[in-house]
Amino acid sequence: MAMSIPDPRGDVCWGTSATYRGRAHLVPVSRTVGLCGMPVDARFRERPGEPLMCPECAIAYVTAVFPAQAAASDLRHKVRLRA
């Protein structure tokens, strides 16, 4: 089940949620939820100092900006087992 997120290479801001105050979320400017899917109540241009960055937002950002594209030929290896 892959979640489709908007391209975060554009304009993003930071958000916090009253539901989970311990994390700062990356939020595309045109949306009201973080890249992780958590709704945000407050938005900030600069990263808030106290909360840690949401790890799910970080992974979603890196995955979207630097997609892994491995060719099938790169994944084949010749393995020989000896008895």
C-alpha atoms as a PDB file:
ATOM      1  CA  MET A   1       0.000   0.000   0.000  1.00  0.00           C
ATOM      2  CA  ALA A   2       2.054   2.940  -1.288  1.00  0.00           C
ATOM      3  CA  MET A   3       0.946   6.370  -0.164  1.00  0.00           C
ATOM      4  CA  SER A   4       1.152   9.040  -2.852  1.00  0.00           C
ATOM      5  CA  ILE A   5       2.745  12.211  -1.570  1.00  0.00           C
ATOM      6  CA  PRO A   6       3.150  15.483  -3.423  1.00  0.00           C
ATOM      7  CA  ASP A   7       6.609  16.326  -4.730  1.00  0.00           C
ATOM      8  CA  PRO A   8       8.284  17.923  -1.666  1.00  0.00           C
ATOM      9  CA  ARG A   9      11.059  19.547  -3.695  1.00  0.00           C
ATOM     10  CA  GLY A  10       8.816  22.585  -4.021  1.00  0.00           C
ATOM     11  CA  ASP A  11       7.856  24.850  -1.169  1.00  0.00           C
ATOM     12  CA  VAL A  12       7.552  23.092   2.194  1.00  0.00           C
ATOM     13  CA  CYS A  13       7.068  24.386   5.701  1.00  0.00           C
ATOM     14  CA  TRP A  14       7.072  22.840   9.155  1.00  0.00           C
ATOM     15  CA  GLY A  15       4.028  21.819  11.139  1.00  0.00           C
ATOM     16  CA  THR A  16       3.147  20.563  14.583  1.00  0.00           C
ATOM     17  CA  SER A  17       0.176  18.549  15.738  1.00  0.00           C
ATOM     18  CA  ALA A  18      -1.716  18.795  19.009  1.00  0.00           C
ATOM     19  CA  THR A  19      -2.214  15.027  18.744  1.00  0.00           C
ATOM     20  CA  TYR A  20       1.501  14.316  18.832  1.00  0.00           C
ATOM     21  CA  ARG A  21       3.435  17.313  20.154  1.00  0.00           C
ATOM     22  CA  GLY A  22       6.838  15.615  20.159  1.00  0.00           C
ATOM     23  CA  ARG A  23       7.411  15.827  16.389  1.00  0.00           C
ATOM     24  CA  ALA A  24       7.906  18.530  13.782  1.00  0.00           C
ATOM     25  CA  HIS A  25       6.451  17.510  10.416  1.00  0.00           C
ATOM     26  CA  LEU A  26       7.423  18.537   6.885  1.00  0.00           C
ATOM     27  CA  VAL A  27       4.315  19.943   5.211  1.00  0.00           C
ATOM     28  CA  PRO A  28       3.917  20.893   1.528  1.00  0.00           C
ATOM     29  CA  VAL A  29       2.608  24.474   1.504  1.00  0.00           C
ATOM     30  CA  SER A  30      -0.546  23.473  -0.398  1.00  0.00           C
ATOM     31  CA  ARG A  31      -1.506  20.749   2.136  1.00  0.00           C
ATOM     32  CA  THR A  32      -2.689  20.482   5.747  1.00  0.00           C
ATOM     33  CA  VAL A  33      -0.989  17.170   6.523  1.00  0.00           C
ATOM     34  CA  GLY A  34       2.666  16.254   6.896  1.00  0.00           C
ATOM     35  CA  LEU A  35       4.460  14.012   4.438  1.00  0.00           C
ATOM     36  CA  CYS A  36       3.796  11.203   6.927  1.00  0.00           C
ATOM     37  CA  GLY A  37       0.026  11.778   6.765  1.00  0.00           C
ATOM     38  CA  MET A  38      -0.329  13.371  10.225  1.00  0.00           C
ATOM     39  CA  PRO A  39      -2.683  16.404  10.236  1.00  0.00           C
ATOM     40  CA  VAL A  40      -0.994  19.567  11.484  1.00  0.00           C
ATOM     41  CA  ASP A  41      -2.552  22.297  13.613  1.00  0.00           C
ATOM     42  CA  ALA A  42       0.186  24.940  13.423  1.00  0.00           C
ATOM     43  CA  ARG A  43       2.522  25.803  10.539  1.00  0.00           C
ATOM     44  CA  PHE A  44       5.911  27.497  10.657  1.00  0.00           C
ATOM     45  CA  ARG A  45       8.295  28.751   7.985  1.00  0.00           C
ATOM     46  CA  GLU A  46      11.326  27.821  10.100  1.00  0.00           C
ATOM     47  CA  ARG A  47      11.729  24.516  11.940  1.00  0.00           C
ATOM     48  CA  PRO A  48      10.440  24.732  15.527  1.00  0.00           C
ATOM     49  CA  GLY A  49      13.311  24.333  17.985  1.00  0.00           C
ATOM     50  CA  GLU A  50      11.919  21.849  20.508  1.00  0.00           C
ATOM     51  CA  PRO A  51      10.233  18.938  18.714  1.00  0.00           C
ATOM     52  CA  LEU A  52      12.311  16.333  16.930  1.00  0.00           C
ATOM     53  CA  MET A  53      11.805  15.869  13.210  1.00  0.00           C
ATOM     54  CA  CYS A  54       9.241  13.187  12.399  1.00  0.00           C
ATOM     55  CA  PRO A  55      11.152  10.147  11.095  1.00  0.00           C
ATOM     56  CA  GLU A  56       8.322   9.190   8.717  1.00  0.00           C
ATOM     57  CA  CYS A  57       8.411  12.678   7.148  1.00  0.00           C
ATOM     58  CA  ALA A  58      12.191  12.418   6.780  1.00  0.00           C
ATOM     59  CA  ILE A  59      11.944   9.042   5.035  1.00  0.00           C
ATOM     60  CA  ALA A  60       9.127  10.256   2.765  1.00  0.00           C
ATOM     61  CA  TYR A  61      11.163  13.346   1.818  1.00  0.00           C
ATOM     62  CA  VAL A  62      14.339  11.406   1.021  1.00  0.00           C
ATOM     63  CA  THR A  63      12.384   8.757  -0.909  1.00  0.00           C
ATOM     64  CA  ALA A  64      10.624  11.399  -3.025  1.00  0.00           C
ATOM     65  CA  VAL A  65      13.695  13.550  -3.684  1.00  0.00           C
ATOM     66  CA  PHE A  66      16.170  10.692  -4.211  1.00  0.00           C
ATOM     67  CA  PRO A  67      14.189   7.763  -5.644  1.00  0.00           C
ATOM     68  CA  ALA A  68      16.010   4.438  -5.815  1.00  0.00           C
ATOM     69  CA  GLN A  69      15.949   3.113  -9.343  1.00  0.00           C
ATOM     70  CA  ALA A  70      17.793  -0.191  -9.514  1.00  0.00           C
ATOM     71  CA  ALA A  71      17.720  -2.082 -12.777  1.00  0.00           C
ATOM     72  CA  ALA A  72      16.914  -5.771 -12.617  1.00  0.00           C
ATOM     73  CA  SER A  73      20.278  -6.605 -14.195  1.00  0.00           C
ATOM     74  CA  ASP A  74      21.996  -4.922 -11.226  1.00  0.00           C
ATOM     75  CA  LEU A  75      20.224  -7.281  -8.843  1.00  0.00           C
ATOM     76  CA  ARG A  76      21.378 -10.576 -10.419  1.00  0.00           C
ATOM     77  CA  HIS A  77      24.380 -12.304  -8.892  1.00  0.00           C
ATOM     78  CA  LYS A  78      25.981 -15.607  -9.787  1.00  0.00           C
ATOM     79  CA  VAL A  79      26.233 -17.738  -6.685  1.00  0.00           C
ATOM     80  CA  ARG A  80      28.001 -21.090  -6.694  1.00  0.00           C
ATOM     81  CA  LEU A  81      27.589 -23.343  -3.715  1.00  0.00           C
ATOM     82  CA  ARG A  82      30.165 -25.959  -2.871  1.00  0.00           C
ATOM     83  CA  ALA A  83      29.180 -29.154  -1.107  1.00  0.00           C
END
